């Protein structure tokens, strides 16, 4: 099963945008500063390219999607920590407090999601 034409055009546009952004970050040196954001964009590129090489109605595509989506969610949190470091560089106490709050919120949200998963089948 191939992608429908509108989805194919949007996927090509997304791939081109991601590649250009990754190249821009790499050549400007920002990829070394914002490592997690660069890694997130790389995983997003892999996820966007997957339907071009793997049938999107197959189990393999589903597995790749789940793995890349899980990685992207993990990178969301790491990107927030990365931004805290950049924004609160001069205000280390506020930055640490914000990072601790985010970590506690993440642990609480994960715990709540797991509890709901066990309670609601």
PDB file of N, CA and C in Angstrom:
ATOM      1  N   UNK A   1       0.842  -1.169   0.000  1.00  0.00           N
ATOM      2  CA  UNK A   1       0.000   0.000   0.000  1.00  0.00           C
ATOM      3  C   UNK A   1       0.893   1.239   0.000  1.00  0.00           C
ATOM      4  N   UNK A   2       0.689   2.113  -0.930  1.00  0.00           N
ATOM      5  CA  UNK A   2       1.486   3.322  -1.031  1.00  0.00           C
ATOM      6  C   UNK A   2       0.758   4.474  -0.356  1.00  0.00           C
ATOM      7  N   UNK A   3       1.523   5.504  -0.088  1.00  0.00           N
ATOM      8  CA  UNK A   3       0.914   6.700   0.494  1.00  0.00           C
ATOM      9  C   UNK A   3       0.031   7.380  -0.532  1.00  0.00           C
ATOM     10  N   UNK A   4      -1.115   7.912  -0.098  1.00  0.00           N
ATOM     11  CA  UNK A   4      -1.918   8.722  -1.015  1.00  0.00           C
ATOM     12  C   UNK A   4      -1.133   9.974  -1.425  1.00  0.00           C
ATOM     13  N   UNK A   5      -1.453  10.534  -2.579  1.00  0.00           N
ATOM     14  CA  UNK A   5      -0.690  11.643  -3.138  1.00  0.00           C
ATOM     15  C   UNK A   5      -0.549  12.837  -2.183  1.00  0.00           C
ATOM     16  N   UNK A   6      -1.626  13.309  -1.524  1.00  0.00           N
ATOM     17  CA  UNK A   6      -1.437  14.444  -0.611  1.00  0.00           C
ATOM     18  C   UNK A   6      -0.473  14.132   0.534  1.00  0.00           C
ATOM     19  N   UNK A   7      -0.563  12.928   1.088  1.00  0.00           N
ATOM     20  CA  UNK A   7       0.353  12.535   2.156  1.00  0.00           C
ATOM     21  C   UNK A   7       1.777  12.382   1.633  1.00  0.00           C
ATOM     22  N   UNK A   8       1.918  11.905   0.423  1.00  0.00           N
ATOM     23  CA  UNK A   8       3.236  11.770  -0.187  1.00  0.00           C
ATOM     24  C   UNK A   8       3.887  13.145  -0.350  1.00  0.00           C
ATOM     25  N   UNK A   9       3.126  14.116  -0.848  1.00  0.00           N
ATOM     26  CA  UNK A   9       3.649  15.471  -1.047  1.00  0.00           C
ATOM     27  C   UNK A   9       4.015  16.095   0.296  1.00  0.00           C
ATOM     28  N   UNK A  10       3.167  15.920   1.299  1.00  0.00           N
ATOM     29  CA  UNK A  10       3.473  16.462   2.627  1.00  0.00           C
ATOM     30  C   UNK A  10       4.698  15.778   3.240  1.00  0.00           C
ATOM     31  N   UNK A  11       4.838  14.492   3.025  1.00  0.00           N
ATOM     32  CA  UNK A  11       6.002  13.776   3.555  1.00  0.00           C
ATOM     33  C   UNK A  11       7.292  14.250   2.897  1.00  0.00           C
ATOM     34  N   UNK A  12       7.257  14.438   1.585  1.00  0.00           N
ATOM     35  CA  UNK A  12       8.440  14.945   0.873  1.00  0.00           C
ATOM     36  C   UNK A  12       8.789  16.340   1.383  1.00  0.00           C
ATOM     37  N   UNK A  13       7.780  17.179   1.566  1.00  0.00           N
ATOM     38  CA  UNK A  13       8.012  18.530   2.088  1.00  0.00           C
ATOM     39  C   UNK A  13       8.606  18.466   3.488  1.00  0.00           C
ATOM     40  N   UNK A  14       8.090  17.590   4.322  1.00  0.00           N
ATOM     41  CA  UNK A  14       8.614  17.424   5.674  1.00  0.00           C
ATOM     42  C   UNK A  14      10.048  16.938   5.686  1.00  0.00           C
ATOM     43  N   UNK A  15      10.362  15.982   4.816  1.00  0.00           N
ATOM     44  CA  UNK A  15      11.728  15.458   4.728  1.00  0.00           C
ATOM     45  C   UNK A  15      12.681  16.572   4.302  1.00  0.00           C
ATOM     46  N   UNK A  16      12.299  17.333   3.289  1.00  0.00           N
ATOM     47  CA  UNK A  16      13.171  18.420   2.818  1.00  0.00           C
ATOM     48  C   UNK A  16      13.377  19.477   3.908  1.00  0.00           C
ATOM     49  N   UNK A  17      12.312  19.805   4.626  1.00  0.00           N
ATOM     50  CA  UNK A  17      12.431  20.792   5.699  1.00  0.00           C
ATOM     51  C   UNK A  17      13.330  20.274   6.824  1.00  0.00           C
ATOM     52  N   UNK A  18      13.155  19.020   7.212  1.00  0.00           N
ATOM     53  CA  UNK A  18      13.990  18.448   8.272  1.00  0.00           C
ATOM     54  C   UNK A  18      15.455  18.362   7.860  1.00  0.00           C
ATOM     55  N   UNK A  19      15.707  17.937   6.631  1.00  0.00           N
ATOM     56  CA  UNK A  19      17.094  17.841   6.161  1.00  0.00           C
ATOM     57  C   UNK A  19      17.733  19.222   6.133  1.00  0.00           C
ATOM     58  N   UNK A  20      17.011  20.224   5.630  1.00  0.00           N
ATOM     59  CA  UNK A  20      17.587  21.574   5.584  1.00  0.00           C
ATOM     60  C   UNK A  20      17.830  22.120   6.988  1.00  0.00           C
ATOM     61  N   UNK A  21      16.927  21.848   7.926  1.00  0.00           N
ATOM     62  CA  UNK A  21      17.121  22.310   9.298  1.00  0.00           C
ATOM     63  C   UNK A  21      18.301  21.597   9.967  1.00  0.00           C
ATOM     64  N   UNK A  22      18.412  20.298   9.751  1.00  0.00           N
ATOM     65  CA  UNK A  22      19.543  19.549  10.315  1.00  0.00           C
ATOM     66  C   UNK A  22      20.877  20.044   9.747  1.00  0.00           C
ATOM     67  N   UNK A  23      20.913  20.301   8.451  1.00  0.00           N
ATOM     68  CA  UNK A  23      22.136  20.825   7.845  1.00  0.00           C
ATOM     69  C   UNK A  23      22.471  22.213   8.380  1.00  0.00           C
ATOM     70  N   UNK A  24      21.455  23.031   8.527  1.00  0.00           N
ATOM     71  CA  UNK A  24      21.673  24.388   9.057  1.00  0.00           C
ATOM     72  C   UNK A  24      22.217  24.337  10.490  1.00  0.00           C
ATOM     73  N   UNK A  25      21.635  23.473  11.306  1.00  0.00           N
ATOM     74  CA  UNK A  25      22.125  23.326  12.679  1.00  0.00           C
ATOM     75  C   UNK A  25      23.555  22.787  12.706  1.00  0.00           C
ATOM     76  N   UNK A  26      23.861  21.849  11.829  1.00  0.00           N
ATOM     77  CA  UNK A  26      25.195  21.250  11.807  1.00  0.00           C
ATOM     78  C   UNK A  26      26.244  22.264  11.353  1.00  0.00           C
ATOM     79  N   UNK A  27      25.963  22.993  10.285  1.00  0.00           N
ATOM     80  CA  UNK A  27      26.954  23.923   9.746  1.00  0.00           C
ATOM     81  C   UNK A  27      27.089  25.193  10.578  1.00  0.00           C
ATOM     82  N   UNK A  28      26.066  25.565  11.311  1.00  0.00           N
ATOM     83  CA  UNK A  28      26.165  26.764  12.147  1.00  0.00           C
ATOM     84  C   UNK A  28      26.806  26.474  13.502  1.00  0.00           C
ATOM     85  N   UNK A  29      26.979  25.199  13.822  1.00  0.00           N
ATOM     86  CA  UNK A  29      27.579  24.832  15.099  1.00  0.00           C
ATOM     87  C   UNK A  29      26.565  24.709  16.229  1.00  0.00           C
ATOM     88  N   UNK A  30      25.304  24.975  15.933  1.00  0.00           N
ATOM     89  CA  UNK A  30      24.278  24.879  16.972  1.00  0.00           C
ATOM     90  C   UNK A  30      23.954  23.443  17.346  1.00  0.00           C
ATOM     91  N   UNK A  31      24.305  22.500  16.491  1.00  0.00           N
ATOM     92  CA  UNK A  31      24.053  21.088  16.803  1.00  0.00           C
ATOM     93  C   UNK A  31      24.866  20.650  18.012  1.00  0.00           C
ATOM     94  N   UNK A  32      26.043  21.254  18.212  1.00  0.00           N
ATOM     95  CA  UNK A  32      26.860  20.915  19.380  1.00  0.00           C
ATOM     96  C   UNK A  32      26.297  21.536  20.649  1.00  0.00           C
ATOM     97  N   UNK A  33      25.625  22.666  20.515  1.00  0.00           N
ATOM     98  CA  UNK A  33      25.052  23.331  21.684  1.00  0.00           C
ATOM     99  C   UNK A  33      23.722  22.684  22.066  1.00  0.00           C
ATOM    100  N   UNK A  34      22.875  22.445  21.078  1.00  0.00           N
ATOM    101  CA  UNK A  34      21.552  21.861  21.315  1.00  0.00           C
ATOM    102  C   UNK A  34      21.539  20.414  20.816  1.00  0.00           C
ATOM    103  N   UNK A  35      22.279  19.552  21.504  1.00  0.00           N
ATOM    104  CA  UNK A  35      22.452  18.156  21.084  1.00  0.00           C
ATOM    105  C   UNK A  35      21.134  17.388  21.067  1.00  0.00           C
ATOM    106  N   UNK A  36      20.332  17.573  22.120  1.00  0.00           N
ATOM    107  CA  UNK A  36      19.090  16.794  22.213  1.00  0.00           C
ATOM    108  C   UNK A  36      18.078  17.232  21.157  1.00  0.00           C
ATOM    109  N   UNK A  37      18.048  18.519  20.856  1.00  0.00           N
ATOM    110  CA  UNK A  37      17.157  19.004  19.801  1.00  0.00           C
ATOM    111  C   UNK A  37      17.595  18.444  18.452  1.00  0.00           C
ATOM    112  N   UNK A  38      18.888  18.403  18.214  1.00  0.00           N
ATOM    113  CA  UNK A  38      19.415  17.837  16.971  1.00  0.00           C
ATOM    114  C   UNK A  38      19.074  16.350  16.871  1.00  0.00           C
ATOM    115  N   UNK A  39      19.236  15.619  17.970  1.00  0.00           N
ATOM    116  CA  UNK A  39      18.891  14.187  17.983  1.00  0.00           C
ATOM    117  C   UNK A  39      17.391  13.983  17.770  1.00  0.00           C
ATOM    118  N   UNK A  40      16.585  14.837  18.385  1.00  0.00           N
ATOM    119  CA  UNK A  40      15.134  14.759  18.197  1.00  0.00           C
ATOM    120  C   UNK A  40      14.778  14.923  16.721  1.00  0.00           C
ATOM    121  N   UNK A  41      15.372  15.919  16.070  1.00  0.00           N
ATOM    122  CA  UNK A  41      15.087  16.144  14.656  1.00  0.00           C
ATOM    123  C   UNK A  41      15.556  14.972  13.801  1.00  0.00           C
ATOM    124  N   UNK A  42      16.653  14.333  14.189  1.00  0.00           N
ATOM    125  CA  UNK A  42      17.148  13.167  13.456  1.00  0.00           C
ATOM    126  C   UNK A  42      16.168  11.999  13.576  1.00  0.00           C
ATOM    127  N   UNK A  43      15.662  11.772  14.770  1.00  0.00           N
ATOM    128  CA  UNK A  43      14.677  10.695  14.967  1.00  0.00           C
ATOM    129  C   UNK A  43      13.388  11.021  14.203  1.00  0.00           C
ATOM    130  N   UNK A  44      12.999  12.285  14.202  1.00  0.00           N
ATOM    131  CA  UNK A  44      11.810  12.701  13.452  1.00  0.00           C
ATOM    132  C   UNK A  44      12.015  12.460  11.956  1.00  0.00           C
ATOM    133  N   UNK A  45      13.222  12.703  11.470  1.00  0.00           N
ATOM    134  CA  UNK A  45      13.519  12.444  10.060  1.00  0.00           C
ATOM    135  C   UNK A  45      13.400  10.953   9.749  1.00  0.00           C
ATOM    136  N   UNK A  46      13.906  10.112  10.638  1.00  0.00           N
ATOM    137  CA  UNK A  46      13.795   8.661  10.432  1.00  0.00           C
ATOM    138  C   UNK A  46      12.322   8.249  10.382  1.00  0.00           C
ATOM    139  N   UNK A  47      11.533   8.819  11.301  1.00  0.00           N
ATOM    140  CA  UNK A  47      10.106   8.482  11.325  1.00  0.00           C
ATOM    141  C   UNK A  47       9.398   8.979  10.067  1.00  0.00           C
ATOM    142  N   UNK A  48       9.796  10.128   9.560  1.00  0.00           N
ATOM    143  CA  UNK A  48       9.171  10.674   8.360  1.00  0.00           C
ATOM    144  C   UNK A  48       9.590   9.905   7.112  1.00  0.00           C
ATOM    145  N   UNK A  49      10.813   9.390   7.103  1.00  0.00           N
ATOM    146  CA  UNK A  49      11.301   8.632   5.947  1.00  0.00           C
ATOM    147  C   UNK A  49      10.794   7.187   5.918  1.00  0.00           C
ATOM    148  N   UNK A  50      10.386   6.663   7.039  1.00  0.00           N
ATOM    149  CA  UNK A  50      10.005   5.245   7.129  1.00  0.00           C
ATOM    150  C   UNK A  50       8.957   4.817   6.100  1.00  0.00           C
ATOM    151  N   UNK A  51       7.885   5.576   5.864  1.00  0.00           N
ATOM    152  CA  UNK A  51       6.889   5.094   4.896  1.00  0.00           C
ATOM    153  C   UNK A  51       7.398   4.998   3.460  1.00  0.00           C
ATOM    154  N   UNK A  52       8.509   5.664   3.153  1.00  0.00           N
ATOM    155  CA  UNK A  52       9.059   5.577   1.809  1.00  0.00           C
ATOM    156  C   UNK A  52       9.773   4.248   1.566  1.00  0.00           C
ATOM    157  N   UNK A  53      10.210   3.603   2.640  1.00  0.00           N
ATOM    158  CA  UNK A  53      10.987   2.376   2.507  1.00  0.00           C
ATOM    159  C   UNK A  53      10.279   1.153   3.078  1.00  0.00           C
ATOM    160  N   UNK A  54       9.299   1.375   3.937  1.00  0.00           N
ATOM    161  CA  UNK A  54       8.593   0.267   4.586  1.00  0.00           C
ATOM    162  C   UNK A  54       7.100   0.483   4.386  1.00  0.00           C
ATOM    163  N   UNK A  55       6.407  -0.577   4.041  1.00  0.00           N
ATOM    164  CA  UNK A  55       4.955  -0.464   3.871  1.00  0.00           C
ATOM    165  C   UNK A  55       4.340  -0.026   5.196  1.00  0.00           C
ATOM    166  N   UNK A  56       3.548   1.044   5.154  1.00  0.00           N
ATOM    167  CA  UNK A  56       3.036   1.580   6.412  1.00  0.00           C
ATOM    168  C   UNK A  56       1.892   0.770   6.992  1.00  0.00           C
ATOM    169  N   UNK A  57       1.452  -0.270   6.314  1.00  0.00           N
ATOM    170  CA  UNK A  57       0.451  -1.157   6.898  1.00  0.00           C
ATOM    171  C   UNK A  57       1.083  -2.455   7.414  1.00  0.00           C
ATOM    172  N   UNK A  58       2.419  -2.467   7.566  1.00  0.00           N
ATOM    173  CA  UNK A  58       3.106  -3.666   8.042  1.00  0.00           C
ATOM    174  C   UNK A  58       3.414  -3.555   9.534  1.00  0.00           C
ATOM    175  N   UNK A  59       3.712  -4.713  10.122  1.00  0.00           N
ATOM    176  CA  UNK A  59       4.084  -4.740  11.535  1.00  0.00           C
ATOM    177  C   UNK A  59       5.418  -4.045  11.777  1.00  0.00           C
ATOM    178  N   UNK A  60       6.341  -4.168  10.823  1.00  0.00           N
ATOM    179  CA  UNK A  60       7.650  -3.526  10.973  1.00  0.00           C
ATOM    180  C   UNK A  60       7.499  -2.012  11.071  1.00  0.00           C
ATOM    181  N   UNK A  61       6.639  -1.432  10.234  1.00  0.00           N
ATOM    182  CA  UNK A  61       6.429   0.011  10.303  1.00  0.00           C
ATOM    183  C   UNK A  61       5.829   0.393  11.660  1.00  0.00           C
ATOM    184  N   UNK A  62       4.902  -0.402  12.148  1.00  0.00           N
ATOM    185  CA  UNK A  62       4.310  -0.131  13.461  1.00  0.00           C
ATOM    186  C   UNK A  62       5.350  -0.171  14.564  1.00  0.00           C
ATOM    187  N   UNK A  63       6.248  -1.141  14.503  1.00  0.00           N
ATOM    188  CA  UNK A  63       7.318  -1.233  15.498  1.00  0.00           C
ATOM    189  C   UNK A  63       8.261  -0.030  15.413  1.00  0.00           C
ATOM    190  N   UNK A  64       8.638   0.333  14.193  1.00  0.00           N
ATOM    191  CA  UNK A  64       9.525   1.493  14.013  1.00  0.00           C
ATOM    192  C   UNK A  64       8.835   2.755  14.506  1.00  0.00           C
ATOM    193  N   UNK A  65       7.558   2.885  14.225  1.00  0.00           N
ATOM    194  CA  UNK A  65       6.824   4.068  14.678  1.00  0.00           C
ATOM    195  C   UNK A  65       6.793   4.135  16.201  1.00  0.00           C
ATOM    196  N   UNK A  66       6.521   3.021  16.855  1.00  0.00           N
ATOM    197  CA  UNK A  66       6.468   3.021  18.317  1.00  0.00           C
ATOM    198  C   UNK A  66       7.824   3.350  18.933  1.00  0.00           C
ATOM    199  N   UNK A  67       8.890   2.800  18.381  1.00  0.00           N
ATOM    200  CA  UNK A  67      10.229   3.076  18.914  1.00  0.00           C
ATOM    201  C   UNK A  67      10.593   4.538  18.716  1.00  0.00           C
ATOM    202  N   UNK A  68      10.391   5.054  17.492  1.00  0.00           N
ATOM    203  CA  UNK A  68      10.753   6.444  17.238  1.00  0.00           C
ATOM    204  C   UNK A  68       9.874   7.406  18.018  1.00  0.00           C
ATOM    205  N   UNK A  69       8.616   7.076  18.183  1.00  0.00           N
ATOM    206  CA  UNK A  69       7.725   7.948  18.960  1.00  0.00           C
ATOM    207  C   UNK A  69       8.139   7.965  20.427  1.00  0.00           C
ATOM    208  N   UNK A  70       8.524   6.801  20.956  1.00  0.00           N
ATOM    209  CA  UNK A  70       9.019   6.747  22.332  1.00  0.00           C
ATOM    210  C   UNK A  70      10.288   7.557  22.512  1.00  0.00           C
ATOM    211  N   UNK A  71      11.200   7.459  21.539  1.00  0.00           N
ATOM    212  CA  UNK A  71      12.419   8.260  21.593  1.00  0.00           C
ATOM    213  C   UNK A  71      12.108   9.752  21.527  1.00  0.00           C
ATOM    214  N   UNK A  72      11.152  10.115  20.703  1.00  0.00           N
ATOM    215  CA  UNK A  72      10.807  11.535  20.573  1.00  0.00           C
ATOM    216  C   UNK A  72      10.221  12.086  21.873  1.00  0.00           C
ATOM    217  N   UNK A  73       9.411  11.300  22.548  1.00  0.00           N
ATOM    218  CA  UNK A  73       8.867  11.744  23.832  1.00  0.00           C
ATOM    219  C   UNK A  73       9.990  11.916  24.853  1.00  0.00           C
ATOM    220  N   UNK A  74      10.948  10.995  24.860  1.00  0.00           N
ATOM    221  CA  UNK A  74      12.089  11.130  25.773  1.00  0.00           C
ATOM    222  C   UNK A  74      12.903  12.377  25.429  1.00  0.00           C
ATOM    223  N   UNK A  75      13.076  12.644  24.142  1.00  0.00           N
ATOM    224  CA  UNK A  75      13.819  13.835  23.744  1.00  0.00           C
ATOM    225  C   UNK A  75      13.074  15.121  24.099  1.00  0.00           C
ATOM    226  N   UNK A  76      11.733  15.083  24.139  1.00  0.00           N
ATOM    227  CA  UNK A  76      10.976  16.278  24.566  1.00  0.00           C
ATOM    228  C   UNK A  76      11.451  16.723  25.950  1.00  0.00           C
ATOM    229  N   UNK A  77      11.556  15.780  26.850  1.00  0.00           N
ATOM    230  CA  UNK A  77      11.972  16.097  28.218  1.00  0.00           C
ATOM    231  C   UNK A  77      13.416  16.589  28.229  1.00  0.00           C
ATOM    232  N   UNK A  78      14.273  15.919  27.488  1.00  0.00           N
ATOM    233  CA  UNK A  78      15.678  16.332  27.450  1.00  0.00           C
ATOM    234  C   UNK A  78      15.840  17.712  26.819  1.00  0.00           C
ATOM    235  N   UNK A  79      15.007  18.030  25.845  1.00  0.00           N
ATOM    236  CA  UNK A  79      15.052  19.355  25.226  1.00  0.00           C
ATOM    237  C   UNK A  79      14.651  20.423  26.237  1.00  0.00           C
ATOM    238  N   UNK A  80      13.662  20.132  27.064  1.00  0.00           N
ATOM    239  CA  UNK A  80      13.254  21.099  28.094  1.00  0.00           C
ATOM    240  C   UNK A  80      14.404  21.346  29.062  1.00  0.00           C
ATOM    241  N   UNK A  81      15.080  20.293  29.487  1.00  0.00           N
ATOM    242  CA  UNK A  81      16.241  20.469  30.371  1.00  0.00           C
ATOM    243  C   UNK A  81      17.347  21.264  29.670  1.00  0.00           C
ATOM    244  N   UNK A  82      17.528  20.992  28.391  1.00  0.00           N
ATOM    245  CA  UNK A  82      18.530  21.715  27.614  1.00  0.00           C
ATOM    246  C   UNK A  82      18.189  23.208  27.543  1.00  0.00           C
ATOM    247  N   UNK A  83      16.911  23.503  27.374  1.00  0.00           N
ATOM    248  CA  UNK A  83      16.486  24.908  27.334  1.00  0.00           C
ATOM    249  C   UNK A  83      16.622  25.577  28.697  1.00  0.00           C
ATOM    250  N   UNK A  84      16.314  24.843  29.761  1.00  0.00           N
ATOM    251  CA  UNK A  84      16.517  25.399  31.104  1.00  0.00           C
ATOM    252  C   UNK A  84      17.973  25.798  31.301  1.00  0.00           C
ATOM    253  N   UNK A  85      18.870  24.959  30.843  1.00  0.00           N
ATOM    254  CA  UNK A  85      20.290  25.250  30.984  1.00  0.00           C
ATOM    255  C   UNK A  85      20.667  26.513  30.210  1.00  0.00           C
ATOM    256  N   UNK A  86      20.123  26.652  29.003  1.00  0.00           N
ATOM    257  CA  UNK A  86      20.459  27.812  28.179  1.00  0.00           C
ATOM    258  C   UNK A  86      19.818  29.096  28.718  1.00  0.00           C
ATOM    259  N   UNK A  87      18.549  29.028  29.091  1.00  0.00           N
ATOM    260  CA  UNK A  87      17.823  30.223  29.522  1.00  0.00           C
ATOM    261  C   UNK A  87      18.284  30.690  30.897  1.00  0.00           C
ATOM    262  N   UNK A  88      18.479  29.755  31.800  1.00  0.00           N
ATOM    263  CA  UNK A  88      18.837  30.115  33.180  1.00  0.00           C
ATOM    264  C   UNK A  88      20.335  29.964  33.449  1.00  0.00           C
ATOM    265  N   UNK A  89      21.151  30.212  32.423  1.00  0.00           N
ATOM    266  CA  UNK A  89      22.600  30.076  32.582  1.00  0.00           C
ATOM    267  C   UNK A  89      23.120  30.981  33.699  1.00  0.00           C
ATOM    268  N   UNK A  90      22.618  32.199  33.770  1.00  0.00           N
ATOM    269  CA  UNK A  90      23.070  33.157  34.782  1.00  0.00           C
ATOM    270  C   UNK A  90      22.345  32.972  36.122  1.00  0.00           C
ATOM    271  N   UNK A  91      21.188  32.339  36.089  1.00  0.00           N
ATOM    272  CA  UNK A  91      20.371  32.161  37.295  1.00  0.00           C
ATOM    273  C   UNK A  91      20.328  30.675  37.653  1.00  0.00           C
ATOM    274  N   UNK A  92      21.411  30.163  38.151  1.00  0.00           N
ATOM    275  CA  UNK A  92      21.544  28.720  38.368  1.00  0.00           C
ATOM    276  C   UNK A  92      20.536  28.171  39.377  1.00  0.00           C
ATOM    277  N   UNK A  93      20.220  28.922  40.409  1.00  0.00           N
ATOM    278  CA  UNK A  93      19.261  28.449  41.411  1.00  0.00           C
ATOM    279  C   UNK A  93      17.869  28.262  40.824  1.00  0.00           C
ATOM    280  N   UNK A  94      17.420  29.228  40.044  1.00  0.00           N
ATOM    281  CA  UNK A  94      16.104  29.122  39.408  1.00  0.00           C
ATOM    282  C   UNK A  94      16.109  27.978  38.396  1.00  0.00           C
ATOM    283  N   UNK A  95      17.204  27.841  37.663  1.00  0.00           N
ATOM    284  CA  UNK A  95      17.300  26.757  36.682  1.00  0.00           C
ATOM    285  C   UNK A  95      17.220  25.391  37.322  1.00  0.00           C
ATOM    286  N   UNK A  96      17.936  25.213  38.437  1.00  0.00           N
ATOM    287  CA  UNK A  96      17.881  23.917  39.133  1.00  0.00           C
ATOM    288  C   UNK A  96      16.487  23.652  39.694  1.00  0.00           C
ATOM    289  N   UNK A  97      15.867  24.678  40.241  1.00  0.00           N
ATOM    290  CA  UNK A  97      14.509  24.504  40.778  1.00  0.00           C
ATOM    291  C   UNK A  97      13.536  24.131  39.660  1.00  0.00           C
ATOM    292  N   UNK A  98      13.655  24.775  38.516  1.00  0.00           N
ATOM    293  CA  UNK A  98      12.778  24.455  37.387  1.00  0.00           C
ATOM    294  C   UNK A  98      13.034  23.038  36.889  1.00  0.00           C
ATOM    295  N   UNK A  99      14.295  22.629  36.858  1.00  0.00           N
ATOM    296  CA  UNK A  99      14.601  21.266  36.426  1.00  0.00           C
ATOM    297  C   UNK A  99      14.052  20.238  37.408  1.00  0.00           C
ATOM    298  N   UNK A 100      14.188  20.519  38.705  1.00  0.00           N
ATOM    299  CA  UNK A 100      13.636  19.588  39.708  1.00  0.00           C
ATOM    300  C   UNK A 100      12.120  19.493  39.594  1.00  0.00           C
ATOM    301  N   UNK A 101      11.465  20.640  39.426  1.00  0.00           N
ATOM    302  CA  UNK A 101      10.009  20.638  39.281  1.00  0.00           C
ATOM    303  C   UNK A 101       9.602  19.812  38.061  1.00  0.00           C
ATOM    304  N   UNK A 102      10.304  20.007  36.943  1.00  0.00           N
ATOM    305  CA  UNK A 102       9.972  19.262  35.726  1.00  0.00           C
ATOM    306  C   UNK A 102      10.212  17.767  35.928  1.00  0.00           C
ATOM    307  N   UNK A 103      11.292  17.408  36.595  1.00  0.00           N
ATOM    308  CA  UNK A 103      11.575  15.997  36.850  1.00  0.00           C
ATOM    309  C   UNK A 103      10.490  15.373  37.727  1.00  0.00           C
ATOM    310  N   UNK A 104      10.088  16.077  38.791  1.00  0.00           N
ATOM    311  CA  UNK A 104       9.011  15.552  39.650  1.00  0.00           C
ATOM    312  C   UNK A 104       7.697  15.446  38.881  1.00  0.00           C
ATOM    313  N   UNK A 105       7.407  16.431  38.055  1.00  0.00           N
ATOM    314  CA  UNK A 105       6.181  16.393  37.258  1.00  0.00           C
ATOM    315  C   UNK A 105       6.214  15.221  36.279  1.00  0.00           C
ATOM    316  N   UNK A 106       7.361  14.971  35.687  1.00  0.00           N
ATOM    317  CA  UNK A 106       7.495  13.857  34.758  1.00  0.00           C
ATOM    318  C   UNK A 106       7.310  12.525  35.461  1.00  0.00           C
ATOM    319  N   UNK A 107       7.931  12.379  36.616  1.00  0.00           N
ATOM    320  CA  UNK A 107       7.781  11.135  37.384  1.00  0.00           C
ATOM    321  C   UNK A 107       6.322  10.958  37.797  1.00  0.00           C
ATOM    322  N   UNK A 108       5.694  12.031  38.264  1.00  0.00           N
ATOM    323  CA  UNK A 108       4.284  11.956  38.661  1.00  0.00           C
ATOM    324  C   UNK A 108       3.376  11.605  37.503  1.00  0.00           C
ATOM    325  N   UNK A 109       3.614  12.212  36.338  1.00  0.00           N
ATOM    326  CA  UNK A 109       2.796  11.921  35.163  1.00  0.00           C
ATOM    327  C   UNK A 109       2.996  10.485  34.696  1.00  0.00           C
ATOM    328  N   UNK A 110       4.232  10.014  34.739  1.00  0.00           N
ATOM    329  CA  UNK A 110       4.503   8.626  34.355  1.00  0.00           C
ATOM    330  C   UNK A 110       3.823   7.658  35.314  1.00  0.00           C
ATOM    331  N   UNK A 111       3.923   7.942  36.608  1.00  0.00           N
ATOM    332  CA  UNK A 111       3.273   7.093  37.605  1.00  0.00           C
ATOM    333  C   UNK A 111       1.756   7.080  37.398  1.00  0.00           C
ATOM    334  N   UNK A 112       1.164   8.256  37.177  1.00  0.00           N
ATOM    335  CA  UNK A 112      -0.285   8.336  36.958  1.00  0.00           C
ATOM    336  C   UNK A 112      -0.689   7.576  35.701  1.00  0.00           C
ATOM    337  N   UNK A 113       0.093   7.701  34.648  1.00  0.00           N
ATOM    338  CA  UNK A 113      -0.229   6.985  33.409  1.00  0.00           C
ATOM    339  C   UNK A 113      -0.142   5.473  33.605  1.00  0.00           C
ATOM    340  N   UNK A 114       0.875   5.029  34.335  1.00  0.00           N
ATOM    341  CA  UNK A 114       0.999   3.595  34.587  1.00  0.00           C
ATOM    342  C   UNK A 114      -0.129   3.093  35.468  1.00  0.00           C
ATOM    343  N   UNK A 115      -0.518   3.878  36.459  1.00  0.00           N
ATOM    344  CA  UNK A 115      -1.631   3.481  37.337  1.00  0.00           C
ATOM    345  C   UNK A 115      -2.932   3.398  36.530  1.00  0.00           C
ATOM    346  N   UNK A 116      -3.174   4.374  35.656  1.00  0.00           N
ATOM    347  CA  UNK A 116      -4.379   4.337  34.819  1.00  0.00           C
ATOM    348  C   UNK A 116      -4.334   3.155  33.874  1.00  0.00           C
ATOM    349  N   UNK A 117      -3.151   2.822  33.397  1.00  0.00           N
ATOM    350  CA  UNK A 117      -3.010   1.705  32.478  1.00  0.00           C
ATOM    351  C   UNK A 117      -3.350   0.387  33.165  1.00  0.00           C
ATOM    352  N   UNK A 118      -3.016   0.266  34.455  1.00  0.00           N
ATOM    353  CA  UNK A 118      -3.316  -0.981  35.159  1.00  0.00           C
ATOM    354  C   UNK A 118      -4.768  -1.017  35.615  1.00  0.00           C
ATOM    355  N   UNK A 119      -5.367   0.145  35.879  1.00  0.00           N
ATOM    356  CA  UNK A 119      -6.741   0.188  36.345  1.00  0.00           C
ATOM    357  C   UNK A 119      -7.711   0.075  35.184  1.00  0.00           C
ATOM    358  N   UNK A 120      -7.427   0.786  34.082  1.00  0.00           N
ATOM    359  CA  UNK A 120      -8.320   0.787  32.929  1.00  0.00           C
ATOM    360  C   UNK A 120      -7.699  -0.080  31.835  1.00  0.00           C
ATOM    361  N   UNK A 121      -8.273  -1.241  31.577  1.00  0.00           N
ATOM    362  CA  UNK A 121      -7.681  -2.151  30.558  1.00  0.00           C
ATOM    363  C   UNK A 121      -7.856  -1.636  29.148  1.00  0.00           C
TER     364      UNK A 121
END
